[in-house]
Protein backbone atom coordinates (compact mmCIF):
# COMPACT_ATOMS: atom_id res chain seq x y z
CA UNK A 1 -24.96 135.44 205.38
CA UNK A 2 -25.18 135.19 201.59
CA UNK A 3 -22.88 132.98 199.53
CA UNK A 4 -21.76 134.78 196.36
CA UNK A 5 -19.24 132.14 195.25
CA UNK A 6 -17.26 129.19 196.58
CA UNK A 7 -14.85 131.56 198.31
CA UNK A 8 -16.94 134.66 199.02
CA UNK A 9 -19.78 135.51 201.38
CA UNK A 10 -21.33 138.81 202.42
CA UNK A 11 -23.04 139.43 205.69
CA UNK A 12 -24.04 141.85 208.37
CA UNK A 13 -23.18 142.38 212.01
CA UNK A 14 -25.42 139.52 213.12
CA UNK A 15 -23.10 136.84 211.67
CA UNK A 16 -22.17 134.25 214.28
CA UNK A 17 -19.05 132.20 214.84
CA UNK A 18 -21.16 129.10 214.21
CA UNK A 19 -22.08 130.32 210.71
CA UNK A 20 -18.44 131.08 209.98
CA UNK A 21 -17.37 127.60 211.11
CA UNK A 22 -20.24 125.89 209.22
CA UNK A 23 -19.09 127.42 205.93
CA UNK A 24 -15.39 126.87 206.73
CA UNK A 25 -14.69 130.59 206.40
CA UNK A 26 -11.15 131.43 207.47
CA UNK A 27 -11.00 135.16 206.73
CA UNK A 28 -13.12 138.15 207.70
CA UNK A 29 -13.12 141.62 206.15
CA UNK A 30 -14.96 144.22 208.20
CA UNK A 31 -15.84 147.17 205.96
CA UNK A 32 -17.73 149.22 208.56
CA UNK A 33 -15.84 152.17 209.99
CA UNK A 34 -17.72 152.09 213.29
CA UNK A 35 -18.16 148.35 213.88
CA UNK A 36 -16.00 146.85 216.58
CA UNK A 37 -12.76 145.29 215.48
CA UNK A 38 -11.47 141.76 215.80
CA UNK A 39 -14.31 139.33 216.34
CA UNK A 40 -12.15 137.06 218.47
CA UNK A 41 -12.80 133.94 216.45
CA UNK A 42 -9.87 131.52 216.59
CA UNK A 43 -8.06 130.46 213.42
CA UNK A 44 -9.58 133.32 211.43
CA UNK A 45 -7.61 135.99 209.58
CA UNK A 46 -9.11 139.42 210.11
CA UNK A 47 -8.84 142.76 208.29
CA UNK A 48 -10.79 145.98 208.62
CA UNK A 49 -11.09 148.77 206.06
CA UNK A 50 -13.66 151.18 207.41
CA UNK A 51 -16.23 152.71 205.08
CA UNK A 52 -19.11 154.92 206.11
CA UNK A 53 -22.50 153.97 204.69
CA UNK A 54 -23.09 156.90 202.42
CA UNK A 55 -21.14 159.70 200.75
CA UNK A 56 -17.79 160.84 202.07
CA UNK A 57 -15.54 157.83 201.54
CA UNK A 58 -12.31 158.63 199.69
CA UNK A 59 -11.89 156.52 196.57
CA UNK A 60 -8.63 155.21 198.06
CA UNK A 61 -10.58 153.51 200.85
CA UNK A 62 -12.66 151.61 198.30
CA UNK A 63 -9.43 150.58 196.57
CA UNK A 64 -8.00 149.43 199.90
CA UNK A 65 -11.14 147.41 200.63
CA UNK A 66 -11.10 145.75 197.20
CA UNK A 67 -7.37 144.95 197.52
CA UNK A 68 -7.87 143.58 201.04
CA UNK A 69 -10.67 141.34 199.82
CA UNK A 70 -8.53 140.19 196.91
CA UNK A 71 -5.73 139.29 199.32
CA UNK A 72 -7.97 137.39 201.72
CA UNK A 73 -9.98 135.57 199.05
CA UNK A 74 -6.82 134.32 197.35
CA UNK A 75 -5.90 132.51 200.59
CA UNK A 76 -9.21 131.62 202.25
CA UNK A 77 -12.95 131.40 202.10
CA UNK A 78 -13.84 134.95 203.06
CA UNK A 79 -16.75 136.80 204.63
CA UNK A 80 -17.13 140.54 204.02
CA UNK A 81 -19.39 142.16 206.59
CA UNK A 82 -20.69 145.47 207.91
CA UNK A 83 -23.77 146.56 209.86
CA UNK A 84 -26.51 145.78 207.29
CA UNK A 85 -24.65 144.23 204.35
CA UNK A 86 -24.79 147.14 201.88
CA UNK A 87 -21.13 148.11 202.20
CA UNK A 88 -20.20 144.43 202.19
CA UNK A 89 -21.99 143.83 198.93
CA UNK A 90 -20.51 146.99 197.36
CA UNK A 91 -16.96 145.86 198.17
CA UNK A 92 -17.73 142.33 196.93
CA UNK A 93 -19.01 143.76 193.62
CA UNK A 94 -15.81 145.82 193.31
CA UNK A 95 -13.73 142.71 193.97
CA UNK A 96 -15.75 140.76 191.39
CA UNK A 97 -15.14 143.52 188.84
CA UNK A 98 -11.38 143.28 189.40
CA UNK A 99 -11.61 139.53 188.83
CA UNK A 100 -13.99 139.48 185.86
CA UNK A 101 -14.34 143.00 184.49
CA UNK A 102 -18.14 143.23 184.59
CA UNK A 103 -20.14 146.39 185.21
CA UNK A 104 -21.93 147.10 188.50
CA UNK A 105 -25.30 146.31 186.89
CA UNK A 106 -23.90 143.20 185.21
CA UNK A 107 -22.56 141.79 188.47
CA UNK A 108 -25.73 142.67 190.38
CA UNK A 109 -27.84 140.94 187.70
CA UNK A 110 -25.67 137.81 187.87
CA UNK A 111 -25.93 137.77 191.65
CA UNK A 112 -29.69 138.32 191.63
CA UNK A 113 -30.07 135.28 189.34
CA UNK A 114 -27.72 133.02 191.30
CA UNK A 115 -28.50 133.91 194.92
CA UNK A 116 -31.63 132.49 196.50
CA UNK A 117 -32.21 135.33 198.96
CA UNK A 118 -32.71 139.06 198.77
CA UNK A 119 -29.46 140.97 198.42
CA UNK A 120 -28.68 143.96 200.63
CA UNK A 121 -28.98 147.33 198.89
CA UNK A 122 -25.76 149.33 198.72
CA UNK A 123 -25.99 153.10 199.14
CA UNK A 124 -25.90 155.03 195.88
CA UNK A 125 -22.60 156.61 196.99
CA UNK A 126 -20.97 153.17 196.76
CA UNK A 127 -22.34 152.70 193.25
CA UNK A 128 -21.02 156.15 192.27
CA UNK A 129 -17.59 155.24 193.67
CA UNK A 130 -17.60 152.12 191.49
CA UNK A 131 -17.76 154.35 188.41
CA UNK A 132 -14.78 156.42 189.63
CA UNK A 133 -12.45 153.51 190.37
CA UNK A 134 -9.21 153.08 188.41
CA UNK A 135 -9.95 149.47 187.40
CA UNK A 136 -6.87 149.11 185.22
CA UNK A 137 -4.61 149.97 188.14
CA UNK A 138 -6.44 147.63 190.51
CA UNK A 139 -6.25 144.77 188.01
CA UNK A 140 -2.51 145.32 187.56
CA UNK A 141 -2.06 145.20 191.33
CA UNK A 142 -4.12 142.02 191.70
CA UNK A 143 -3.43 139.93 188.62
């Protein structure tokens, strides 16, 4: 699990209930299409917006994932997770763009400087989707 901010973590499918409790995380966003649903952790809000790890995701699914993360992070400390962390990080970067308006490269550079572990590598299809997002619309919906 990698802490990106006070309210946002990204992780992979190996995250444990103990880690979630240790960091006082109260919301989970599963962004893997084929990862089992509800983790069964008590007192934890759960959402799933399934992305595949590669090309073929409709842009609307990315929008849904970013909006879901926005919703959860406004209320709770939130973990975004998938199988290996690449989709999780991509959705977190999209969420951070809605909040701060930075580019993909700008956000990745900031994270690389502030995180003390190696970041997962999102598939290039997720980066391409970032460039196709309607950021003005998403900001109006969130702010």
